[in-house]
Amino acid sequence: MGGIEGVERLMGETEDARAYQEEVSQMLAGHLTNQDEDEVEDELEALQRELAGPEILPDDVVLPSPPTADLPVEEPVLESSKRTKAKAETRTALPAT
């Protein structure tokens, strides 16, 4: 199976898993050290900065105003007249040979 080395490796993995479980249990119970709290706060600030995204424009930038005049209105073209025009453009008479 693996002999003594396998047993020692398994015991080491079990101890690591137990230590990790104890660390998680302490965090969930609220037993954080000051250093842990500082690390958690730093991570939270980094996540909040990431969610906020980069500042696109500084506050003192003056942006142009939108136009005040109405845009020109184009006459709507009927779909059937577009097709007729397209057919007329694509069909050309060729001399018979």
PDB file of N, CA and C in Angstrom:
ATOM      1  N   MET A   1       0.818  -1.195   0.000  1.00  0.00           N
ATOM      2  CA  MET A   1       0.000   0.000   0.000  1.00  0.00           C
ATOM      3  C   MET A   1       0.858   1.253   0.000  1.00  0.00           C
ATOM      4  N   GLY A   2       1.862   1.304   0.731  1.00  0.00           N
ATOM      5  CA  GLY A   2       2.696   2.483   0.800  1.00  0.00           C
ATOM      6  C   GLY A   2       3.551   2.442   2.035  1.00  0.00           C
ATOM      7  N   GLY A   3       3.278   1.541   2.888  1.00  0.00           N
ATOM      8  CA  GLY A   3       4.101   1.360   4.067  1.00  0.00           C
ATOM      9  C   GLY A   3       4.052   2.538   5.021  1.00  0.00           C
ATOM     10  N   ILE A   4       5.143   2.706   5.720  1.00  0.00           N
ATOM     11  CA  ILE A   4       5.236   3.747   6.749  1.00  0.00           C
ATOM     12  C   ILE A   4       5.182   5.141   6.128  1.00  0.00           C
ATOM     13  N   GLU A   5       5.812   5.311   4.955  1.00  0.00           N
ATOM     14  CA  GLU A   5       5.795   6.630   4.307  1.00  0.00           C
ATOM     15  C   GLU A   5       4.368   7.063   3.984  1.00  0.00           C
ATOM     16  N   GLY A   6       3.568   6.139   3.501  1.00  0.00           N
ATOM     17  CA  GLY A   6       2.177   6.447   3.172  1.00  0.00           C
ATOM     18  C   GLY A   6       1.379   6.829   4.400  1.00  0.00           C
ATOM     19  N   VAL A   7       1.619   6.116   5.501  1.00  0.00           N
ATOM     20  CA  VAL A   7       0.916   6.421   6.749  1.00  0.00           C
ATOM     21  C   VAL A   7       1.332   7.793   7.262  1.00  0.00           C
ATOM     22  N   GLU A   8       2.643   8.088   7.208  1.00  0.00           N
ATOM     23  CA  GLU A   8       3.131   9.394   7.671  1.00  0.00           C
ATOM     24  C   GLU A   8       2.574  10.525   6.805  1.00  0.00           C
ATOM     25  N   ARG A   9       2.521  10.297   5.495  1.00  0.00           N
ATOM     26  CA  ARG A   9       1.968  11.312   4.593  1.00  0.00           C
ATOM     27  C   ARG A   9       0.491  11.544   4.905  1.00  0.00           C
ATOM     28  N   LEU A  10      -0.253  10.474   5.113  1.00  0.00           N
ATOM     29  CA  LEU A  10      -1.668  10.580   5.439  1.00  0.00           C
ATOM     30  C   LEU A  10      -1.875  11.306   6.765  1.00  0.00           C
ATOM     31  N   MET A  11      -1.048  11.017   7.748  1.00  0.00           N
ATOM     32  CA  MET A  11      -1.158  11.695   9.046  1.00  0.00           C
ATOM     33  C   MET A  11      -0.841  13.187   8.906  1.00  0.00           C
ATOM     34  N   GLY A  12       0.149  13.514   8.077  1.00  0.00           N
ATOM     35  CA  GLY A  12       0.486  14.920   7.841  1.00  0.00           C
ATOM     36  C   GLY A  12      -0.646  15.658   7.154  1.00  0.00           C
ATOM     37  N   GLU A  13      -1.247  15.033   6.149  1.00  0.00           N
ATOM     38  CA  GLU A  13      -2.378  15.648   5.451  1.00  0.00           C
ATOM     39  C   GLU A  13      -3.563  15.830   6.388  1.00  0.00           C
ATOM     40  N   THR A  14      -3.788  14.843   7.246  1.00  0.00           N
ATOM     41  CA  THR A  14      -4.887  14.935   8.209  1.00  0.00           C
ATOM     42  C   THR A  14      -4.648  16.077   9.185  1.00  0.00           C
ATOM     43  N   GLU A  15      -3.417  16.227   9.648  1.00  0.00           N
ATOM     44  CA  GLU A  15      -3.090  17.317  10.578  1.00  0.00           C
ATOM     45  C   GLU A  15      -3.256  18.675   9.890  1.00  0.00           C
ATOM     46  N   ASP A  16      -2.835  18.789   8.634  1.00  0.00           N
ATOM     47  CA  ASP A  16      -3.008  20.046   7.892  1.00  0.00           C
ATOM     48  C   ASP A  16      -4.488  20.377   7.737  1.00  0.00           C
ATOM     49  N   ALA A  17      -5.292  19.377   7.409  1.00  0.00           N
ATOM     50  CA  ALA A  17      -6.727  19.600   7.239  1.00  0.00           C
ATOM     51  C   ALA A  17      -7.370  20.000   8.561  1.00  0.00           C
ATOM     52  N   ARG A  18      -6.933  19.373   9.666  1.00  0.00           N
ATOM     53  CA  ARG A  18      -7.475  19.706  10.976  1.00  0.00           C
ATOM     54  C   ARG A  18      -7.107  21.137  11.353  1.00  0.00           C
ATOM     55  N   ALA A  19      -5.869  21.554  11.072  1.00  0.00           N
ATOM     56  CA  ALA A  19      -5.439  22.918  11.382  1.00  0.00           C
ATOM     57  C   ALA A  19      -6.225  23.929  10.552  1.00  0.00           C
ATOM     58  N   TYR A  20      -6.452  23.616   9.286  1.00  0.00           N
ATOM     59  CA  TYR A  20      -7.227  24.507   8.423  1.00  0.00           C
ATOM     60  C   TYR A  20      -8.662  24.619   8.925  1.00  0.00           C
ATOM     61  N   GLN A  21      -9.250  23.494   9.325  1.00  0.00           N
ATOM     62  CA  GLN A  21     -10.617  23.510   9.843  1.00  0.00           C
ATOM     63  C   GLN A  21     -10.690  24.333  11.124  1.00  0.00           C
ATOM     64  N   GLU A  22      -9.689  24.224  11.966  1.00  0.00           N
ATOM     65  CA  GLU A  22      -9.665  25.001  13.209  1.00  0.00           C
ATOM     66  C   GLU A  22      -9.563  26.501  12.902  1.00  0.00           C
ATOM     67  N   GLU A  23      -8.743  26.855  11.903  1.00  0.00           N
ATOM     68  CA  GLU A  23      -8.608  28.262  11.510  1.00  0.00           C
ATOM     69  C   GLU A  23      -9.934  28.811  10.994  1.00  0.00           C
ATOM     70  N   VAL A  24     -10.616  28.044  10.158  1.00  0.00           N
ATOM     71  CA  VAL A  24     -11.912  28.470   9.626  1.00  0.00           C
ATOM     72  C   VAL A  24     -12.930  28.595  10.750  1.00  0.00           C
ATOM     73  N   SER A  25     -12.925  27.645  11.667  1.00  0.00           N
ATOM     74  CA  SER A  25     -13.864  27.692  12.793  1.00  0.00           C
ATOM     75  C   SER A  25     -13.642  28.934  13.641  1.00  0.00           C
ATOM     76  N   GLN A  26     -12.382  29.289  13.879  1.00  0.00           N
ATOM     77  CA  GLN A  26     -12.084  30.491  14.664  1.00  0.00           C
ATOM     78  C   GLN A  26     -12.542  31.747  13.937  1.00  0.00           C
ATOM     79  N   MET A  27     -12.357  31.778  12.627  1.00  0.00           N
ATOM     80  CA  MET A  27     -12.806  32.944  11.859  1.00  0.00           C
ATOM     81  C   MET A  27     -14.320  33.079  11.918  1.00  0.00           C
ATOM     82  N   LEU A  28     -15.006  31.952  11.781  1.00  0.00           N
ATOM     83  CA  LEU A  28     -16.465  31.989  11.810  1.00  0.00           C
ATOM     84  C   LEU A  28     -16.982  32.360  13.195  1.00  0.00           C
ATOM     85  N   ALA A  29     -16.250  32.002  14.220  1.00  0.00           N
ATOM     86  CA  ALA A  29     -16.669  32.316  15.584  1.00  0.00           C
ATOM     87  C   ALA A  29     -16.350  33.761  15.942  1.00  0.00           C
ATOM     88  N   GLY A  30     -15.598  34.448  15.103  1.00  0.00           N
ATOM     89  CA  GLY A  30     -15.294  35.854  15.348  1.00  0.00           C
ATOM     90  C   GLY A  30     -14.012  36.069  16.118  1.00  0.00           C
ATOM     91  N   HIS A  31     -13.156  35.081  16.188  1.00  0.00           N
ATOM     92  CA  HIS A  31     -11.897  35.204  16.908  1.00  0.00           C
ATOM     93  C   HIS A  31     -10.785  35.589  15.935  1.00  0.00           C
ATOM     94  N   LEU A  32     -10.857  36.792  15.411  1.00  0.00           N
ATOM     95  CA  LEU A  32      -9.831  37.275  14.496  1.00  0.00           C
ATOM     96  C   LEU A  32      -8.822  38.105  15.277  1.00  0.00           C
ATOM     97  N   THR A  33      -7.564  37.956  14.926  1.00  0.00           N
ATOM     98  CA  THR A  33      -6.547  38.801  15.536  1.00  0.00           C
ATOM     99  C   THR A  33      -6.592  40.164  14.868  1.00  0.00           C
ATOM    100  N   ASN A  34      -5.894  41.118  15.444  1.00  0.00           N
ATOM    101  CA  ASN A  34      -5.850  42.456  14.848  1.00  0.00           C
ATOM    102  C   ASN A  34      -5.250  42.404  13.450  1.00  0.00           C
ATOM    103  N   GLN A  35      -4.232  41.570  13.277  1.00  0.00           N
ATOM    104  CA  GLN A  35      -3.608  41.442  11.963  1.00  0.00           C
ATOM    105  C   GLN A  35      -4.606  40.855  10.962  1.00  0.00           C
ATOM    106  N   ASP A  36      -5.369  39.846  11.384  1.00  0.00           N
ATOM    107  CA  ASP A  36      -6.376  39.256  10.500  1.00  0.00           C
ATOM    108  C   ASP A  36      -7.430  40.286  10.115  1.00  0.00           C
ATOM    109  N   GLU A  37      -7.872  41.086  11.079  1.00  0.00           N
ATOM    110  CA  GLU A  37      -8.871  42.118  10.794  1.00  0.00           C
ATOM    111  C   GLU A  37      -8.330  43.134   9.801  1.00  0.00           C
ATOM    112  N   ASP A  38      -7.059  43.530   9.975  1.00  0.00           N
ATOM    113  CA  ASP A  38      -6.450  44.482   9.043  1.00  0.00           C
ATOM    114  C   ASP A  38      -6.389  43.898   7.638  1.00  0.00           C
ATOM    115  N   GLU A  39      -6.016  42.625   7.535  1.00  0.00           N
ATOM    116  CA  GLU A  39      -5.943  41.986   6.221  1.00  0.00           C
ATOM    117  C   GLU A  39      -7.323  41.902   5.572  1.00  0.00           C
ATOM    118  N   VAL A  40      -8.332  41.582   6.367  1.00  0.00           N
ATOM    119  CA  VAL A  40      -9.696  41.496   5.840  1.00  0.00           C
ATOM    120  C   VAL A  40     -10.174  42.869   5.381  1.00  0.00           C
ATOM    121  N   GLU A  41      -9.887  43.909   6.158  1.00  0.00           N
ATOM    122  CA  GLU A  41     -10.286  45.269   5.772  1.00  0.00           C
ATOM    123  C   GLU A  41      -9.567  45.714   4.508  1.00  0.00           C
ATOM    124  N   ASP A  42      -8.268  45.391   4.387  1.00  0.00           N
ATOM    125  CA  ASP A  42      -7.520  45.737   3.174  1.00  0.00           C
ATOM    126  C   ASP A  42      -8.105  45.030   1.956  1.00  0.00           C
ATOM    127  N   GLU A  43      -8.453  43.760   2.122  1.00  0.00           N
ATOM    128  CA  GLU A  43      -9.040  43.013   1.009  1.00  0.00           C
ATOM    129  C   GLU A  43     -10.399  43.587   0.623  1.00  0.00           C
ATOM    130  N   LEU A  44     -11.196  43.976   1.616  1.00  0.00           N
ATOM    131  CA  LEU A  44     -12.497  44.585   1.339  1.00  0.00           C
ATOM    132  C   LEU A  44     -12.334  45.896   0.573  1.00  0.00           C
ATOM    133  N   GLU A  45     -11.394  46.728   0.991  1.00  0.00           N
ATOM    134  CA  GLU A  45     -11.151  47.995   0.282  1.00  0.00           C
ATOM    135  C   GLU A  45     -10.721  47.739  -1.157  1.00  0.00           C
ATOM    136  N   ALA A  46      -9.860  46.745  -1.367  1.00  0.00           N
ATOM    137  CA  ALA A  46      -9.410  46.422  -2.727  1.00  0.00           C
ATOM    138  C   ALA A  46     -10.584  45.960  -3.586  1.00  0.00           C
ATOM    139  N   LEU A  47     -11.466  45.144  -3.014  1.00  0.00           N
ATOM    140  CA  LEU A  47     -12.639  44.682  -3.766  1.00  0.00           C
ATOM    141  C   LEU A  47     -13.583  45.831  -4.088  1.00  0.00           C
ATOM    142  N   GLN A  48     -13.754  46.749  -3.143  1.00  0.00           N
ATOM    143  CA  GLN A  48     -14.627  47.897  -3.392  1.00  0.00           C
ATOM    144  C   GLN A  48     -14.049  48.799  -4.476  1.00  0.00           C
ATOM    145  N   ARG A  49     -12.728  48.998  -4.476  1.00  0.00           N
ATOM    146  CA  ARG A  49     -12.090  49.797  -5.535  1.00  0.00           C
ATOM    147  C   ARG A  49     -12.256  49.108  -6.880  1.00  0.00           C
ATOM    148  N   GLU A  50     -12.131  47.790  -6.892  1.00  0.00           N
ATOM    149  CA  GLU A  50     -12.278  47.036  -8.138  1.00  0.00           C
ATOM    150  C   GLU A  50     -13.697  47.148  -8.678  1.00  0.00           C
ATOM    151  N   LEU A  51     -14.689  47.074  -7.798  1.00  0.00           N
ATOM    152  CA  LEU A  51     -16.079  47.196  -8.232  1.00  0.00           C
ATOM    153  C   LEU A  51     -16.398  48.603  -8.714  1.00  0.00           C
ATOM    154  N   ALA A  52     -15.815  49.602  -8.080  1.00  0.00           N
ATOM    155  CA  ALA A  52     -16.085  50.984  -8.463  1.00  0.00           C
ATOM    156  C   ALA A  52     -15.478  51.296  -9.828  1.00  0.00           C
ATOM    157  N   GLY A  53     -14.427  50.607 -10.194  1.00  0.00           N
ATOM    158  CA  GLY A  53     -13.776  50.852 -11.473  1.00  0.00           C
ATOM    159  C   GLY A  53     -12.909  52.095 -11.410  1.00  0.00           C
ATOM    160  N   PRO A  54     -12.144  52.315 -12.447  1.00  0.00           N
ATOM    161  CA  PRO A  54     -11.267  53.483 -12.450  1.00  0.00           C
ATOM    162  C   PRO A  54     -12.061  54.775 -12.634  1.00  0.00           C
ATOM    163  N   GLU A  55     -11.533  55.833 -12.107  1.00  0.00           N
ATOM    164  CA  GLU A  55     -12.160  57.148 -12.286  1.00  0.00           C
ATOM    165  C   GLU A  55     -11.972  57.529 -13.745  1.00  0.00           C
ATOM    166  N   ILE A  56     -13.053  57.748 -14.441  1.00  0.00           N
ATOM    167  CA  ILE A  56     -12.977  58.013 -15.875  1.00  0.00           C
ATOM    168  C   ILE A  56     -12.566  59.458 -16.137  1.00  0.00           C
ATOM    169  N   LEU A  57     -13.247  60.385 -15.519  1.00  0.00           N
ATOM    170  CA  LEU A  57     -12.947  61.795 -15.726  1.00  0.00           C
ATOM    171  C   LEU A  57     -12.773  62.486 -14.382  1.00  0.00           C
ATOM    172  N   PRO A  58     -11.814  63.383 -14.296  1.00  0.00           N
ATOM    173  CA  PRO A  58     -11.712  64.176 -13.072  1.00  0.00           C
ATOM    174  C   PRO A  58     -12.924  65.102 -12.944  1.00  0.00           C
ATOM    175  N   ASP A  59     -13.159  65.594 -11.746  1.00  0.00           N
ATOM    176  CA  ASP A  59     -14.330  66.433 -11.496  1.00  0.00           C
ATOM    177  C   ASP A  59     -14.269  67.781 -12.214  1.00  0.00           C
ATOM    178  N   ASP A  60     -13.076  68.276 -12.537  1.00  0.00           N
ATOM    179  CA  ASP A  60     -12.967  69.612 -13.121  1.00  0.00           C
ATOM    180  C   ASP A  60     -13.019  69.618 -14.650  1.00  0.00           C
ATOM    181  N   VAL A  61     -13.331  68.510 -15.291  1.00  0.00           N
ATOM    182  CA  VAL A  61     -13.411  68.452 -16.748  1.00  0.00           C
ATOM    183  C   VAL A  61     -14.757  69.012 -17.198  1.00  0.00           C
ATOM    184  N   VAL A  62     -14.716  69.907 -18.200  1.00  0.00           N
ATOM    185  CA  VAL A  62     -15.944  70.492 -18.745  1.00  0.00           C
ATOM    186  C   VAL A  62     -16.317  69.718 -20.003  1.00  0.00           C
ATOM    187  N   LEU A  63     -17.494  69.153 -20.003  1.00  0.00           N
ATOM    188  CA  LEU A  63     -17.960  68.376 -21.147  1.00  0.00           C
ATOM    189  C   LEU A  63     -18.807  69.254 -22.064  1.00  0.00           C
ATOM    190  N   PRO A  64     -18.861  68.944 -23.364  1.00  0.00           N
ATOM    191  CA  PRO A  64     -19.692  69.735 -24.278  1.00  0.00           C
ATOM    192  C   PRO A  64     -21.171  69.510 -23.991  1.00  0.00           C
ATOM    193  N   SER A  65     -21.964  70.513 -24.337  1.00  0.00           N
ATOM    194  CA  SER A  65     -23.409  70.386 -24.132  1.00  0.00           C
ATOM    195  C   SER A  65     -24.041  69.756 -25.374  1.00  0.00           C
ATOM    196  N   PRO A  66     -25.182  69.124 -25.231  1.00  0.00           N
ATOM    197  CA  PRO A  66     -25.835  68.497 -26.381  1.00  0.00           C
ATOM    198  C   PRO A  66     -26.427  69.560 -27.304  1.00  0.00           C
ATOM    199  N   PRO A  67     -26.653  69.229 -28.565  1.00  0.00           N
ATOM    200  CA  PRO A  67     -27.233  70.204 -29.491  1.00  0.00           C
ATOM    201  C   PRO A  67     -28.660  70.566 -29.075  1.00  0.00           C
ATOM    202  N   THR A  68     -29.022  71.816 -29.364  1.00  0.00           N
ATOM    203  CA  THR A  68     -30.366  72.279 -29.000  1.00  0.00           C
ATOM    204  C   THR A  68     -31.309  72.287 -30.193  1.00  0.00           C
ATOM    205  N   ALA A  69     -30.772  72.278 -31.415  1.00  0.00           N
ATOM    206  CA  ALA A  69     -31.612  72.296 -32.617  1.00  0.00           C
ATOM    207  C   ALA A  69     -32.115  70.886 -32.913  1.00  0.00           C
ATOM    208  N   ASP A  70     -33.289  70.828 -33.548  1.00  0.00           N
ATOM    209  CA  ASP A  70     -33.847  69.536 -33.932  1.00  0.00           C
ATOM    210  C   ASP A  70     -33.070  68.961 -35.106  1.00  0.00           C
ATOM    211  N   LEU A  71     -32.983  67.661 -35.154  1.00  0.00           N
ATOM    212  CA  LEU A  71     -32.312  66.997 -36.255  1.00  0.00           C
ATOM    213  C   LEU A  71     -33.221  67.004 -37.476  1.00  0.00           C
ATOM    214  N   PRO A  72     -32.653  67.032 -38.685  1.00  0.00           N
ATOM    215  CA  PRO A  72     -33.496  67.001 -39.884  1.00  0.00           C
ATOM    216  C   PRO A  72     -34.209  65.650 -39.987  1.00  0.00           C
ATOM    217  N   VAL A  73     -35.441  65.708 -40.475  1.00  0.00           N
ATOM    218  CA  VAL A  73     -36.254  64.499 -40.596  1.00  0.00           C
ATOM    219  C   VAL A  73     -36.207  64.027 -42.041  1.00  0.00           C
ATOM    220  N   GLU A  74     -35.885  62.763 -42.232  1.00  0.00           N
ATOM    221  CA  GLU A  74     -35.868  62.192 -43.574  1.00  0.00           C
ATOM    222  C   GLU A  74     -37.212  61.538 -43.846  1.00  0.00           C
ATOM    223  N   GLU A  75     -37.629  61.604 -45.094  1.00  0.00           N
ATOM    224  CA  GLU A  75     -38.877  60.965 -45.485  1.00  0.00           C
ATOM    225  C   GLU A  75     -38.686  59.450 -45.439  1.00  0.00           C
ATOM    226  N   PRO A  76     -39.605  58.740 -44.844  1.00  0.00           N
ATOM    227  CA  PRO A  76     -39.467  57.277 -44.815  1.00  0.00           C
ATOM    228  C   PRO A  76     -39.640  56.700 -46.213  1.00  0.00           C
ATOM    229  N   VAL A  77     -38.809  55.752 -46.553  1.00  0.00           N
ATOM    230  CA  VAL A  77     -38.871  55.100 -47.858  1.00  0.00           C
ATOM    231  C   VAL A  77     -39.606  53.786 -47.671  1.00  0.00           C
ATOM    232  N   LEU A  78     -40.597  53.569 -48.513  1.00  0.00           N
ATOM    233  CA  LEU A  78     -41.363  52.334 -48.423  1.00  0.00           C
ATOM    234  C   LEU A  78     -40.497  51.152 -48.824  1.00  0.00           C
ATOM    235  N   GLU A  79     -40.716  50.049 -48.181  1.00  0.00           N
ATOM    236  CA  GLU A  79     -39.930  48.849 -48.435  1.00  0.00           C
ATOM    237  C   GLU A  79     -40.101  48.360 -49.870  1.00  0.00           C
ATOM    238  N   SER A  80     -41.300  48.463 -50.420  1.00  0.00           N
ATOM    239  CA  SER A  80     -41.545  47.975 -51.779  1.00  0.00           C
ATOM    240  C   SER A  80     -40.794  48.821 -52.805  1.00  0.00           C
ATOM    241  N   SER A  81     -40.692  50.125 -52.578  1.00  0.00           N
ATOM    242  CA  SER A  81     -39.959  50.961 -53.532  1.00  0.00           C
ATOM    243  C   SER A  81     -38.466  50.674 -53.458  1.00  0.00           C
ATOM    244  N   LYS A  82     -37.966  50.264 -52.303  1.00  0.00           N
ATOM    245  CA  LYS A  82     -36.554  49.885 -52.192  1.00  0.00           C
ATOM    246  C   LYS A  82     -36.288  48.637 -53.023  1.00  0.00           C
ATOM    247  N   ARG A  83     -37.210  47.676 -52.946  1.00  0.00           N
ATOM    248  CA  ARG A  83     -37.034  46.432 -53.697  1.00  0.00           C
ATOM    249  C   ARG A  83     -37.087  46.693 -55.199  1.00  0.00           C
ATOM    250  N   THR A  84     -38.026  47.523 -55.626  1.00  0.00           N
ATOM    251  CA  THR A  84     -38.158  47.833 -57.049  1.00  0.00           C
ATOM    252  C   THR A  84     -36.894  48.512 -57.550  1.00  0.00           C
ATOM    253  N   LYS A  85     -36.383  49.438 -56.775  1.00  0.00           N
ATOM    254  CA  LYS A  85     -35.174  50.151 -57.164  1.00  0.00           C
ATOM    255  C   LYS A  85     -33.993  49.186 -57.219  1.00  0.00           C
ATOM    256  N   ALA A  86     -33.904  48.280 -56.281  1.00  0.00           N
ATOM    257  CA  ALA A  86     -32.811  47.314 -56.263  1.00  0.00           C
ATOM    258  C   ALA A  86     -32.894  46.385 -57.468  1.00  0.00           C
ATOM    259  N   LYS A  87     -34.105  45.944 -57.823  1.00  0.00           N
ATOM    260  CA  LYS A  87     -34.270  45.073 -58.982  1.00  0.00           C
ATOM    261  C   LYS A  87     -33.895  45.809 -60.259  1.00  0.00           C
ATOM    262  N   ALA A  88     -34.278  47.069 -60.365  1.00  0.00           N
ATOM    263  CA  ALA A  88     -33.966  47.845 -61.563  1.00  0.00           C
ATOM    264  C   ALA A  88     -32.463  48.033 -61.695  1.00  0.00           C
ATOM    265  N   GLU A  89     -31.780  48.180 -60.591  1.00  0.00           N
ATOM    266  CA  GLU A  89     -30.334  48.376 -60.650  1.00  0.00           C
ATOM    267  C   GLU A  89     -29.608  47.081 -60.990  1.00  0.00           C
ATOM    268  N   THR A  90     -30.124  45.959 -60.552  1.00  0.00           N
ATOM    269  CA  THR A  90     -29.423  44.705 -60.789  1.00  0.00           C
ATOM    270  C   THR A  90     -29.711  44.118 -62.165  1.00  0.00           C
ATOM    271  N   ARG A  91     -30.851  44.430 -62.772  1.00  0.00           N
ATOM    272  CA  ARG A  91     -31.190  43.891 -64.083  1.00  0.00           C
ATOM    273  C   ARG A  91     -30.773  44.888 -65.165  1.00  0.00           C
ATOM    274  N   THR A  92     -29.948  44.422 -66.044  1.00  0.00           N
ATOM    275  CA  THR A  92     -29.557  45.251 -67.184  1.00  0.00           C
ATOM    276  C   THR A  92     -29.695  44.411 -68.453  1.00  0.00           C
ATOM    277  N   ALA A  93     -30.084  45.079 -69.520  1.00  0.00           N
ATOM    278  CA  ALA A  93     -30.274  44.378 -70.795  1.00  0.00           C
ATOM    279  C   ALA A  93     -28.918  44.145 -71.436  1.00  0.00           C
ATOM    280  N   LEU A  94     -28.719  42.938 -71.938  1.00  0.00           N
ATOM    281  CA  LEU A  94     -27.481  42.588 -72.626  1.00  0.00           C
ATOM    282  C   LEU A  94     -27.815  42.240 -74.073  1.00  0.00           C
ATOM    283  N   PRO A  95     -26.979  42.629 -74.992  1.00  0.00           N
ATOM    284  CA  PRO A  95     -27.251  42.282 -76.399  1.00  0.00           C
ATOM    285  C   PRO A  95     -27.102  40.778 -76.620  1.00  0.00           C
ATOM    286  N   ALA A  96     -27.959  40.237 -77.481  1.00  0.00           N
ATOM    287  CA  ALA A  96     -27.900  38.808 -77.793  1.00  0.00           C
ATOM    288  C   ALA A  96     -26.734  38.557 -78.725  1.00  0.00           C
ATOM    289  N   THR A  97     -26.095  37.457 -78.586  1.00  0.00           N
ATOM    290  CA  THR A  97     -24.959  37.132 -79.468  1.00  0.00           C
ATOM    291  C   THR A  97     -25.259  36.005 -80.404  1.00  0.00           C
TER     292      THR A  97
END
